């Protein structure tokens, strides 16, 4: 199993999205965070099962919520590096800046 590293900007993505969902409905932000955690755990167990979306970056869809986790695999160190957690409807230019 791989270890996950969530970069600071990705942590901020999760935090801001959870706040946004909590404003819509109490407890929904916590549910979002739980689903992100569940998806990260799946990625750590099965990183190669998720196809490359662009360059060497892979994306996994968060269940229930329209968000994708963008990550790379560091095989040498057995780590998953999470770059971003963005809404699928968001303009790709926003997350593209993080990988340039």
PDB file of N, CA and C in Angstrom:
ATOM      1  N   UNK A   1       0.845  -1.192   0.000  1.00  0.00           N
ATOM      2  CA  UNK A   1       0.000   0.000   0.000  1.00  0.00           C
ATOM      3  C   UNK A   1       0.886   1.251   0.000  1.00  0.00           C
ATOM      4  N   UNK A   2       0.441   2.228  -0.736  1.00  0.00           N
ATOM      5  CA  UNK A   2       1.158   3.499  -0.828  1.00  0.00           C
ATOM      6  C   UNK A   2       0.719   4.446   0.286  1.00  0.00           C
ATOM      7  N   UNK A   3       1.585   5.373   0.622  1.00  0.00           N
ATOM      8  CA  UNK A   3       1.258   6.413   1.597  1.00  0.00           C
ATOM      9  C   UNK A   3       0.817   7.653   0.825  1.00  0.00           C
ATOM     10  N   UNK A   4      -0.172   8.371   1.358  1.00  0.00           N
ATOM     11  CA  UNK A   4      -0.631   9.584   0.669  1.00  0.00           C
ATOM     12  C   UNK A   4      -0.003  10.834   1.270  1.00  0.00           C
ATOM     13  N   UNK A   5       0.317  11.752   0.382  1.00  0.00           N
ATOM     14  CA  UNK A   5       0.785  13.078   0.782  1.00  0.00           C
ATOM     15  C   UNK A   5      -0.135  14.064   0.090  1.00  0.00           C
ATOM     16  N   UNK A   6      -0.827  14.859   0.885  1.00  0.00           N
ATOM     17  CA  UNK A   6      -1.735  15.864   0.335  1.00  0.00           C
ATOM     18  C   UNK A   6      -1.032  17.205   0.425  1.00  0.00           C
ATOM     19  N   UNK A   7      -0.738  17.769  -0.737  1.00  0.00           N
ATOM     20  CA  UNK A   7      -0.033  19.054  -0.760  1.00  0.00           C
ATOM     21  C   UNK A   7      -0.896  20.160  -0.157  1.00  0.00           C
ATOM     22  N   UNK A   8      -0.273  21.204   0.378  1.00  0.00           N
ATOM     23  CA  UNK A   8      -1.018  22.276   1.058  1.00  0.00           C
ATOM     24  C   UNK A   8      -2.165  22.877   0.238  1.00  0.00           C
ATOM     25  N   UNK A   9      -1.970  23.101  -1.046  1.00  0.00           N
ATOM     26  CA  UNK A   9      -3.054  23.669  -1.854  1.00  0.00           C
ATOM     27  C   UNK A   9      -4.220  22.695  -1.997  1.00  0.00           C
ATOM     28  N   UNK A  10      -3.921  21.410  -2.060  1.00  0.00           N
ATOM     29  CA  UNK A  10      -4.987  20.397  -2.122  1.00  0.00           C
ATOM     30  C   UNK A  10      -5.749  20.346  -0.795  1.00  0.00           C
ATOM     31  N   UNK A  11      -5.024  20.482   0.313  1.00  0.00           N
ATOM     32  CA  UNK A  11      -5.694  20.545   1.623  1.00  0.00           C
ATOM     33  C   UNK A  11      -6.626  21.741   1.687  1.00  0.00           C
ATOM     34  N   UNK A  12      -6.173  22.841   1.130  1.00  0.00           N
ATOM     35  CA  UNK A  12      -7.004  24.046   1.095  1.00  0.00           C
ATOM     36  C   UNK A  12      -8.242  23.823   0.220  1.00  0.00           C
ATOM     37  N   UNK A  13      -8.074  23.115  -0.900  1.00  0.00           N
ATOM     38  CA  UNK A  13      -9.216  22.775  -1.753  1.00  0.00           C
ATOM     39  C   UNK A  13     -10.275  22.031  -0.954  1.00  0.00           C
ATOM     40  N   UNK A  14      -9.835  21.035  -0.203  1.00  0.00           N
ATOM     41  CA  UNK A  14     -10.755  20.206   0.588  1.00  0.00           C
ATOM     42  C   UNK A  14     -11.439  21.052   1.654  1.00  0.00           C
ATOM     43  N   UNK A  15     -10.660  21.842   2.364  1.00  0.00           N
ATOM     44  CA  UNK A  15     -11.188  22.684   3.439  1.00  0.00           C
ATOM     45  C   UNK A  15     -12.225  23.676   2.913  1.00  0.00           C
ATOM     46  N   UNK A  16     -11.894  24.367   1.832  1.00  0.00           N
ATOM     47  CA  UNK A  16     -12.809  25.368   1.263  1.00  0.00           C
ATOM     48  C   UNK A  16     -14.086  24.727   0.727  1.00  0.00           C
ATOM     49  N   UNK A  17     -13.946  23.576   0.105  1.00  0.00           N
ATOM     50  CA  UNK A  17     -15.123  22.881  -0.426  1.00  0.00           C
ATOM     51  C   UNK A  17     -16.013  22.397   0.711  1.00  0.00           C
ATOM     52  N   UNK A  18     -15.419  21.869   1.770  1.00  0.00           N
ATOM     53  CA  UNK A  18     -16.202  21.419   2.925  1.00  0.00           C
ATOM     54  C   UNK A  18     -16.968  22.586   3.542  1.00  0.00           C
ATOM     55  N   UNK A  19     -16.317  23.746   3.647  1.00  0.00           N
ATOM     56  CA  UNK A  19     -17.005  24.943   4.163  1.00  0.00           C
ATOM     57  C   UNK A  19     -18.180  25.313   3.280  1.00  0.00           C
ATOM     58  N   UNK A  20     -17.961  25.295   1.968  1.00  0.00           N
ATOM     59  CA  UNK A  20     -19.007  25.640   1.010  1.00  0.00           C
ATOM     60  C   UNK A  20     -20.206  24.699   1.164  1.00  0.00           C
ATOM     61  N   UNK A  21     -19.934  23.391   1.277  1.00  0.00           N
ATOM     62  CA  UNK A  21     -21.032  22.423   1.446  1.00  0.00           C
ATOM     63  C   UNK A  21     -21.740  22.604   2.781  1.00  0.00           C
ATOM     64  N   UNK A  22     -21.003  22.930   3.834  1.00  0.00           N
ATOM     65  CA  UNK A  22     -21.629  23.142   5.141  1.00  0.00           C
ATOM     66  C   UNK A  22     -22.562  24.345   5.145  1.00  0.00           C
ATOM     67  N   UNK A  23     -22.249  25.343   4.322  1.00  0.00           N
ATOM     68  CA  UNK A  23     -23.144  26.501   4.209  1.00  0.00           C
ATOM     69  C   UNK A  23     -24.457  26.102   3.549  1.00  0.00           C
ATOM     70  N   UNK A  24     -24.398  25.118   2.674  1.00  0.00           N
ATOM     71  CA  UNK A  24     -25.600  24.654   1.970  1.00  0.00           C
ATOM     72  C   UNK A  24     -26.445  23.752   2.861  1.00  0.00           C
ATOM     73  N   UNK A  25     -25.761  22.890   3.608  1.00  0.00           N
ATOM     74  CA  UNK A  25     -26.474  21.950   4.484  1.00  0.00           C
ATOM     75  C   UNK A  25     -25.542  21.496   5.602  1.00  0.00           C
ATOM     76  N   UNK A  26     -26.012  21.617   6.817  1.00  0.00           N
ATOM     77  CA  UNK A  26     -25.197  21.230   7.964  1.00  0.00           C
ATOM     78  C   UNK A  26     -24.784  19.758   7.842  1.00  0.00           C
ATOM     79  N   UNK A  27     -23.491  19.511   8.040  1.00  0.00           N
ATOM     80  CA  UNK A  27     -22.963  18.156   8.001  1.00  0.00           C
ATOM     81  C   UNK A  27     -22.526  17.680   6.618  1.00  0.00           C
ATOM     82  N   UNK A  28     -22.901  18.412   5.590  1.00  0.00           N
ATOM     83  CA  UNK A  28     -22.551  17.988   4.234  1.00  0.00           C
ATOM     84  C   UNK A  28     -21.048  18.119   3.973  1.00  0.00           C
ATOM     85  N   UNK A  29     -20.432  19.120   4.577  1.00  0.00           N
ATOM     86  CA  UNK A  29     -18.988  19.279   4.439  1.00  0.00           C
ATOM     87  C   UNK A  29     -18.236  18.109   5.044  1.00  0.00           C
ATOM     88  N   UNK A  30     -18.723  17.623   6.162  1.00  0.00           N
ATOM     89  CA  UNK A  30     -18.109  16.461   6.812  1.00  0.00           C
ATOM     90  C   UNK A  30     -18.267  15.220   5.932  1.00  0.00           C
ATOM     91  N   UNK A  31     -19.416  15.113   5.298  1.00  0.00           N
ATOM     92  CA  UNK A  31     -19.641  13.985   4.397  1.00  0.00           C
ATOM     93  C   UNK A  31     -18.700  14.073   3.185  1.00  0.00           C
ATOM     94  N   UNK A  32     -18.512  15.283   2.671  1.00  0.00           N
ATOM     95  CA  UNK A  32     -17.584  15.481   1.556  1.00  0.00           C
ATOM     96  C   UNK A  32     -16.172  15.036   1.963  1.00  0.00           C
ATOM     97  N   UNK A  33     -15.730  15.491   3.123  1.00  0.00           N
ATOM     98  CA  UNK A  33     -14.392  15.148   3.614  1.00  0.00           C
ATOM     99  C   UNK A  33     -14.253  13.632   3.777  1.00  0.00           C
ATOM    100  N   UNK A  34     -15.282  13.000   4.280  1.00  0.00           N
ATOM    101  CA  UNK A  34     -15.271  11.540   4.452  1.00  0.00           C
ATOM    102  C   UNK A  34     -15.131  10.835   3.104  1.00  0.00           C
ATOM    103  N   UNK A  35     -15.860  11.303   2.098  1.00  0.00           N
ATOM    104  CA  UNK A  35     -15.791  10.697   0.765  1.00  0.00           C
ATOM    105  C   UNK A  35     -14.416  10.920   0.129  1.00  0.00           C
ATOM    106  N   UNK A  36     -13.831  12.091   0.351  1.00  0.00           N
ATOM    107  CA  UNK A  36     -12.473  12.351  -0.154  1.00  0.00           C
ATOM    108  C   UNK A  36     -11.503  11.367   0.496  1.00  0.00           C
ATOM    109  N   UNK A  37     -11.608  11.214   1.803  1.00  0.00           N
ATOM    110  CA  UNK A  37     -10.734  10.291   2.538  1.00  0.00           C
ATOM    111  C   UNK A  37     -10.879   8.862   2.007  1.00  0.00           C
ATOM    112  N   UNK A  38     -12.124   8.460   1.769  1.00  0.00           N
ATOM    113  CA  UNK A  38     -12.403   7.122   1.244  1.00  0.00           C
ATOM    114  C   UNK A  38     -11.755   6.932  -0.138  1.00  0.00           C
ATOM    115  N   UNK A  39     -11.845   7.955  -0.971  1.00  0.00           N
ATOM    116  CA  UNK A  39     -11.244   7.884  -2.309  1.00  0.00           C
ATOM    117  C   UNK A  39      -9.725   7.842  -2.226  1.00  0.00           C
ATOM    118  N   UNK A  40      -9.151   8.619  -1.331  1.00  0.00           N
ATOM    119  CA  UNK A  40      -7.691   8.613  -1.151  1.00  0.00           C
ATOM    120  C   UNK A  40      -7.234   7.228  -0.695  1.00  0.00           C
ATOM    121  N   UNK A  41      -7.974   6.614   0.211  1.00  0.00           N
ATOM    122  CA  UNK A  41      -7.632   5.258   0.669  1.00  0.00           C
ATOM    123  C   UNK A  41      -7.662   4.262  -0.483  1.00  0.00           C
ATOM    124  N   UNK A  42      -8.671   4.400  -1.342  1.00  0.00           N
ATOM    125  CA  UNK A  42      -8.755   3.525  -2.515  1.00  0.00           C
ATOM    126  C   UNK A  42      -7.541   3.741  -3.426  1.00  0.00           C
ATOM    127  N   UNK A  43      -7.205   4.999  -3.666  1.00  0.00           N
ATOM    128  CA  UNK A  43      -6.055   5.324  -4.513  1.00  0.00           C
ATOM    129  C   UNK A  43      -4.783   4.684  -3.937  1.00  0.00           C
ATOM    130  N   UNK A  44      -4.592   4.789  -2.630  1.00  0.00           N
ATOM    131  CA  UNK A  44      -3.387   4.240  -1.994  1.00  0.00           C
ATOM    132  C   UNK A  44      -3.298   2.725  -2.147  1.00  0.00           C
ATOM    133  N   UNK A  45      -4.432   2.067  -2.169  1.00  0.00           N
ATOM    134  CA  UNK A  45      -4.454   0.606  -2.312  1.00  0.00           C
ATOM    135  C   UNK A  45      -4.331   0.176  -3.776  1.00  0.00           C
ATOM    136  N   UNK A  46      -4.845   0.998  -4.690  1.00  0.00           N
ATOM    137  CA  UNK A  46      -4.922   0.614  -6.101  1.00  0.00           C
ATOM    138  C   UNK A  46      -4.479   1.736  -7.038  1.00  0.00           C
ATOM    139  N   UNK A  47      -3.312   2.316  -6.844  1.00  0.00           N
ATOM    140  CA  UNK A  47      -2.953   3.499  -7.644  1.00  0.00           C
ATOM    141  C   UNK A  47      -2.874   3.240  -9.144  1.00  0.00           C
ATOM    142  N   UNK A  48      -2.431   2.065  -9.534  1.00  0.00           N
ATOM    143  CA  UNK A  48      -2.271   1.761 -10.957  1.00  0.00           C
ATOM    144  C   UNK A  48      -3.602   1.493 -11.654  1.00  0.00           C
ATOM    145  N   UNK A  49      -4.654   1.283 -10.878  1.00  0.00           N
ATOM    146  CA  UNK A  49      -5.960   1.011 -11.489  1.00  0.00           C
ATOM    147  C   UNK A  49      -6.616   2.274 -12.043  1.00  0.00           C
ATOM    148  N   UNK A  50      -6.062   3.412 -11.698  1.00  0.00           N
ATOM    149  CA  UNK A  50      -6.615   4.685 -12.160  1.00  0.00           C
ATOM    150  C   UNK A  50      -5.755   5.166 -13.327  1.00  0.00           C
ATOM    151  N   UNK A  51      -6.401   5.410 -14.444  1.00  0.00           N
ATOM    152  CA  UNK A  51      -5.657   5.748 -15.660  1.00  0.00           C
ATOM    153  C   UNK A  51      -5.083   7.164 -15.624  1.00  0.00           C
ATOM    154  N   UNK A  52      -4.049   7.350 -16.404  1.00  0.00           N
ATOM    155  CA  UNK A  52      -3.431   8.665 -16.539  1.00  0.00           C
ATOM    156  C   UNK A  52      -4.377   9.550 -17.344  1.00  0.00           C
ATOM    157  N   UNK A  53      -4.627  10.718 -16.831  1.00  0.00           N
ATOM    158  CA  UNK A  53      -5.546  11.657 -17.500  1.00  0.00           C
ATOM    159  C   UNK A  53      -4.793  12.665 -18.369  1.00  0.00           C
ATOM    160  N   UNK A  54      -3.667  13.156 -17.886  1.00  0.00           N
ATOM    161  CA  UNK A  54      -2.857  14.120 -18.628  1.00  0.00           C
ATOM    162  C   UNK A  54      -1.437  14.054 -18.083  1.00  0.00           C
ATOM    163  N   UNK A  55      -0.476  14.183 -18.961  1.00  0.00           N
ATOM    164  CA  UNK A  55       0.942  14.040 -18.611  1.00  0.00           C
ATOM    165  C   UNK A  55       1.104  12.793 -17.750  1.00  0.00           C
ATOM    166  N   UNK A  56       1.658  12.887 -16.549  1.00  0.00           N
ATOM    167  CA  UNK A  56       1.758  11.740 -15.641  1.00  0.00           C
ATOM    168  C   UNK A  56       0.751  11.816 -14.502  1.00  0.00           C
ATOM    169  N   UNK A  57      -0.251  12.658 -14.666  1.00  0.00           N
ATOM    170  CA  UNK A  57      -1.238  12.882 -13.617  1.00  0.00           C
ATOM    171  C   UNK A  57      -2.458  12.007 -13.820  1.00  0.00           C
ATOM    172  N   UNK A  58      -2.941  11.512 -12.710  1.00  0.00           N
ATOM    173  CA  UNK A  58      -4.141  10.665 -12.707  1.00  0.00           C
ATOM    174  C   UNK A  58      -5.236  11.408 -11.962  1.00  0.00           C
ATOM    175  N   UNK A  59      -6.471  11.048 -12.252  1.00  0.00           N
ATOM    176  CA  UNK A  59      -7.595  11.656 -11.539  1.00  0.00           C
ATOM    177  C   UNK A  59      -8.560  10.575 -11.091  1.00  0.00           C
ATOM    178  N   UNK A  60      -9.051  10.726  -9.887  1.00  0.00           N
ATOM    179  CA  UNK A  60     -10.049   9.803  -9.336  1.00  0.00           C
ATOM    180  C   UNK A  60     -11.276  10.610  -8.940  1.00  0.00           C
ATOM    181  N   UNK A  61     -12.429  10.090  -9.280  1.00  0.00           N
ATOM    182  CA  UNK A  61     -13.684  10.775  -8.963  1.00  0.00           C
ATOM    183  C   UNK A  61     -14.095  10.450  -7.537  1.00  0.00           C
ATOM    184  N   UNK A  62     -14.500  11.476  -6.804  1.00  0.00           N
ATOM    185  CA  UNK A  62     -14.997  11.317  -5.435  1.00  0.00           C
ATOM    186  C   UNK A  62     -16.453  10.863  -5.532  1.00  0.00           C
ATOM    187  N   UNK A  63     -16.784   9.762  -4.872  1.00  0.00           N
ATOM    188  CA  UNK A  63     -18.174   9.270  -4.881  1.00  0.00           C
ATOM    189  C   UNK A  63     -19.129  10.330  -4.347  1.00  0.00           C
ATOM    190  N   UNK A  64     -20.302  10.371  -4.908  1.00  0.00           N
ATOM    191  CA  UNK A  64     -21.412  11.228  -4.493  1.00  0.00           C
ATOM    192  C   UNK A  64     -21.230  12.699  -4.895  1.00  0.00           C
ATOM    193  N   UNK A  65     -20.014  13.193  -4.838  1.00  0.00           N
ATOM    194  CA  UNK A  65     -19.746  14.603  -5.108  1.00  0.00           C
ATOM    195  C   UNK A  65     -19.050  14.762  -6.470  1.00  0.00           C
ATOM    196  N   UNK A  66     -19.330  15.833  -7.183  1.00  0.00           N
ATOM    197  CA  UNK A  66     -18.733  16.024  -8.516  1.00  0.00           C
ATOM    198  C   UNK A  66     -17.316  16.619  -8.449  1.00  0.00           C
ATOM    199  N   UNK A  67     -16.432  15.903  -7.794  1.00  0.00           N
ATOM    200  CA  UNK A  67     -15.052  16.357  -7.605  1.00  0.00           C
ATOM    201  C   UNK A  67     -14.078  15.278  -8.047  1.00  0.00           C
ATOM    202  N   UNK A  68     -12.908  15.741  -8.476  1.00  0.00           N
ATOM    203  CA  UNK A  68     -11.845  14.826  -8.873  1.00  0.00           C
ATOM    204  C   UNK A  68     -10.589  15.117  -8.063  1.00  0.00           C
ATOM    205  N   UNK A  69      -9.913  14.042  -7.685  1.00  0.00           N
ATOM    206  CA  UNK A  69      -8.642  14.140  -6.989  1.00  0.00           C
ATOM    207  C   UNK A  69      -7.551  13.957  -8.044  1.00  0.00           C
ATOM    208  N   UNK A  70      -6.672  14.949  -8.165  1.00  0.00           N
ATOM    209  CA  UNK A  70      -5.573  14.925  -9.130  1.00  0.00           C
ATOM    210  C   UNK A  70      -4.299  14.528  -8.377  1.00  0.00           C
ATOM    211  N   UNK A  71      -3.618  13.491  -8.880  1.00  0.00           N
ATOM    212  CA  UNK A  71      -2.451  12.997  -8.155  1.00  0.00           C
ATOM    213  C   UNK A  71      -1.423  12.380  -9.092  1.00  0.00           C
ATOM    214  N   UNK A  72      -0.238  12.178  -8.536  1.00  0.00           N
ATOM    215  CA  UNK A  72       0.820  11.446  -9.232  1.00  0.00           C
ATOM    216  C   UNK A  72       1.290  10.320  -8.313  1.00  0.00           C
ATOM    217  N   UNK A  73       1.921   9.333  -8.925  1.00  0.00           N
ATOM    218  CA  UNK A  73       2.465   8.193  -8.178  1.00  0.00           C
ATOM    219  C   UNK A  73       3.982   8.328  -8.119  1.00  0.00           C
ATOM    220  N   UNK A  74       4.516   8.251  -6.917  1.00  0.00           N
ATOM    221  CA  UNK A  74       5.961   8.201  -6.706  1.00  0.00           C
ATOM    222  C   UNK A  74       6.282   6.748  -6.352  1.00  0.00           C
ATOM    223  N   UNK A  75       6.574   5.952  -7.372  1.00  0.00           N
ATOM    224  CA  UNK A  75       6.793   4.516  -7.178  1.00  0.00           C
ATOM    225  C   UNK A  75       8.031   4.227  -6.331  1.00  0.00           C
ATOM    226  N   UNK A  76       9.060   5.021  -6.520  1.00  0.00           N
ATOM    227  CA  UNK A  76      10.311   4.782  -5.783  1.00  0.00           C
ATOM    228  C   UNK A  76      10.116   4.868  -4.275  1.00  0.00           C
ATOM    229  N   UNK A  77       9.287   5.805  -3.855  1.00  0.00           N
ATOM    230  CA  UNK A  77       9.058   6.008  -2.418  1.00  0.00           C
ATOM    231  C   UNK A  77       7.709   5.488  -1.941  1.00  0.00           C
ATOM    232  N   UNK A  78       6.973   4.807  -2.851  1.00  0.00           N
ATOM    233  CA  UNK A  78       5.658   4.236  -2.522  1.00  0.00           C
ATOM    234  C   UNK A  78       4.721   5.305  -1.946  1.00  0.00           C
ATOM    235  N   UNK A  79       4.634   6.446  -2.672  1.00  0.00           N
ATOM    236  CA  UNK A  79       3.785   7.546  -2.207  1.00  0.00           C
ATOM    237  C   UNK A  79       2.852   8.005  -3.315  1.00  0.00           C
ATOM    238  N   UNK A  80       1.698   8.464  -2.889  1.00  0.00           N
ATOM    239  CA  UNK A  80       0.722   9.116  -3.753  1.00  0.00           C
ATOM    240  C   UNK A  80       0.771  10.588  -3.376  1.00  0.00           C
ATOM    241  N   UNK A  81       1.002  11.456  -4.353  1.00  0.00           N
ATOM    242  CA  UNK A  81       1.081  12.889  -4.077  1.00  0.00           C
ATOM    243  C   UNK A  81      -0.151  13.553  -4.676  1.00  0.00           C
ATOM    244  N   UNK A  82      -0.992  14.056  -3.803  1.00  0.00           N
ATOM    245  CA  UNK A  82      -2.238  14.676  -4.235  1.00  0.00           C
ATOM    246  C   UNK A  82      -1.988  16.159  -4.467  1.00  0.00           C
ATOM    247  N   UNK A  83      -2.246  16.567  -5.709  1.00  0.00           N
ATOM    248  CA  UNK A  83      -1.960  17.923  -6.172  1.00  0.00           C
ATOM    249  C   UNK A  83      -3.158  18.844  -5.968  1.00  0.00           C
ATOM    250  N   UNK A  84      -4.365  18.320  -6.238  1.00  0.00           N
ATOM    251  CA  UNK A  84      -5.561  19.168  -6.208  1.00  0.00           C
ATOM    252  C   UNK A  84      -6.811  18.317  -6.019  1.00  0.00           C
ATOM    253  N   UNK A  85      -7.851  18.964  -5.514  1.00  0.00           N
ATOM    254  CA  UNK A  85      -9.187  18.374  -5.420  1.00  0.00           C
ATOM    255  C   UNK A  85     -10.137  19.438  -5.959  1.00  0.00           C
ATOM    256  N   UNK A  86     -10.560  19.240  -7.204  1.00  0.00           N
ATOM    257  CA  UNK A  86     -11.353  20.258  -7.900  1.00  0.00           C
ATOM    258  C   UNK A  86     -12.693  19.722  -8.372  1.00  0.00           C
ATOM    259  N   UNK A  87     -13.644  20.633  -8.476  1.00  0.00           N
ATOM    260  CA  UNK A  87     -14.945  20.310  -9.065  1.00  0.00           C
ATOM    261  C   UNK A  87     -14.736  19.932 -10.522  1.00  0.00           C
ATOM    262  N   UNK A  88     -15.456  18.937 -10.977  1.00  0.00           N
ATOM    263  CA  UNK A  88     -15.304  18.482 -12.356  1.00  0.00           C
ATOM    264  C   UNK A  88     -15.747  19.543 -13.354  1.00  0.00           C
ATOM    265  N   UNK A  89     -16.624  20.439 -12.944  1.00  0.00           N
ATOM    266  CA  UNK A  89     -17.107  21.489 -13.843  1.00  0.00           C
ATOM    267  C   UNK A  89     -16.149  22.677 -13.928  1.00  0.00           C
ATOM    268  N   UNK A  90     -15.156  22.682 -13.082  1.00  0.00           N
ATOM    269  CA  UNK A  90     -14.216  23.809 -13.042  1.00  0.00           C
ATOM    270  C   UNK A  90     -13.328  23.824 -14.280  1.00  0.00           C
ATOM    271  N   UNK A  91     -12.980  24.992 -14.715  1.00  0.00           N
ATOM    272  CA  UNK A  91     -12.128  25.169 -15.878  1.00  0.00           C
ATOM    273  C   UNK A  91     -10.770  24.515 -15.621  1.00  0.00           C
ATOM    274  N   UNK A  92     -10.319  23.613 -16.521  1.00  0.00           N
ATOM    275  CA  UNK A  92      -9.036  22.929 -16.329  1.00  0.00           C
ATOM    276  C   UNK A  92      -7.832  23.868 -16.223  1.00  0.00           C
ATOM    277  N   UNK A  93      -7.963  25.085 -16.679  1.00  0.00           N
ATOM    278  CA  UNK A  93      -6.854  26.033 -16.579  1.00  0.00           C
ATOM    279  C   UNK A  93      -6.472  26.277 -15.117  1.00  0.00           C
ATOM    280  N   UNK A  94      -7.462  26.193 -14.196  1.00  0.00           N
ATOM    281  CA  UNK A  94      -7.184  26.440 -12.779  1.00  0.00           C
ATOM    282  C   UNK A  94      -6.254  25.380 -12.204  1.00  0.00           C
ATOM    283  N   UNK A  95      -6.560  24.103 -12.427  1.00  0.00           N
ATOM    284  CA  UNK A  95      -5.677  23.073 -11.882  1.00  0.00           C
ATOM    285  C   UNK A  95      -4.454  22.878 -12.744  1.00  0.00           C
ATOM    286  N   UNK A  96      -4.532  23.259 -13.993  1.00  0.00           N
ATOM    287  CA  UNK A  96      -3.378  23.151 -14.870  1.00  0.00           C
ATOM    288  C   UNK A  96      -2.203  23.992 -14.400  1.00  0.00           C
ATOM    289  N   UNK A  97      -2.502  25.108 -13.743  1.00  0.00           N
ATOM    290  CA  UNK A  97      -1.430  25.976 -13.215  1.00  0.00           C
ATOM    291  C   UNK A  97      -0.589  25.287 -12.154  1.00  0.00           C
ATOM    292  N   UNK A  98      -1.167  24.337 -11.472  1.00  0.00           N
ATOM    293  CA  UNK A  98      -0.437  23.648 -10.391  1.00  0.00           C
ATOM    294  C   UNK A  98       0.588  22.661 -10.915  1.00  0.00           C
ATOM    295  N   UNK A  99       0.459  22.251 -12.164  1.00  0.00           N
ATOM    296  CA  UNK A  99       1.375  21.229 -12.672  1.00  0.00           C
ATOM    297  C   UNK A  99       2.428  21.791 -13.628  1.00  0.00           C
ATOM    298  N   UNK A 100       2.349  23.050 -13.907  1.00  0.00           N
ATOM    299  CA  UNK A 100       3.295  23.643 -14.852  1.00  0.00           C
ATOM    300  C   UNK A 100       4.635  23.921 -14.211  1.00  0.00           C
TER     301      UNK A 100
END
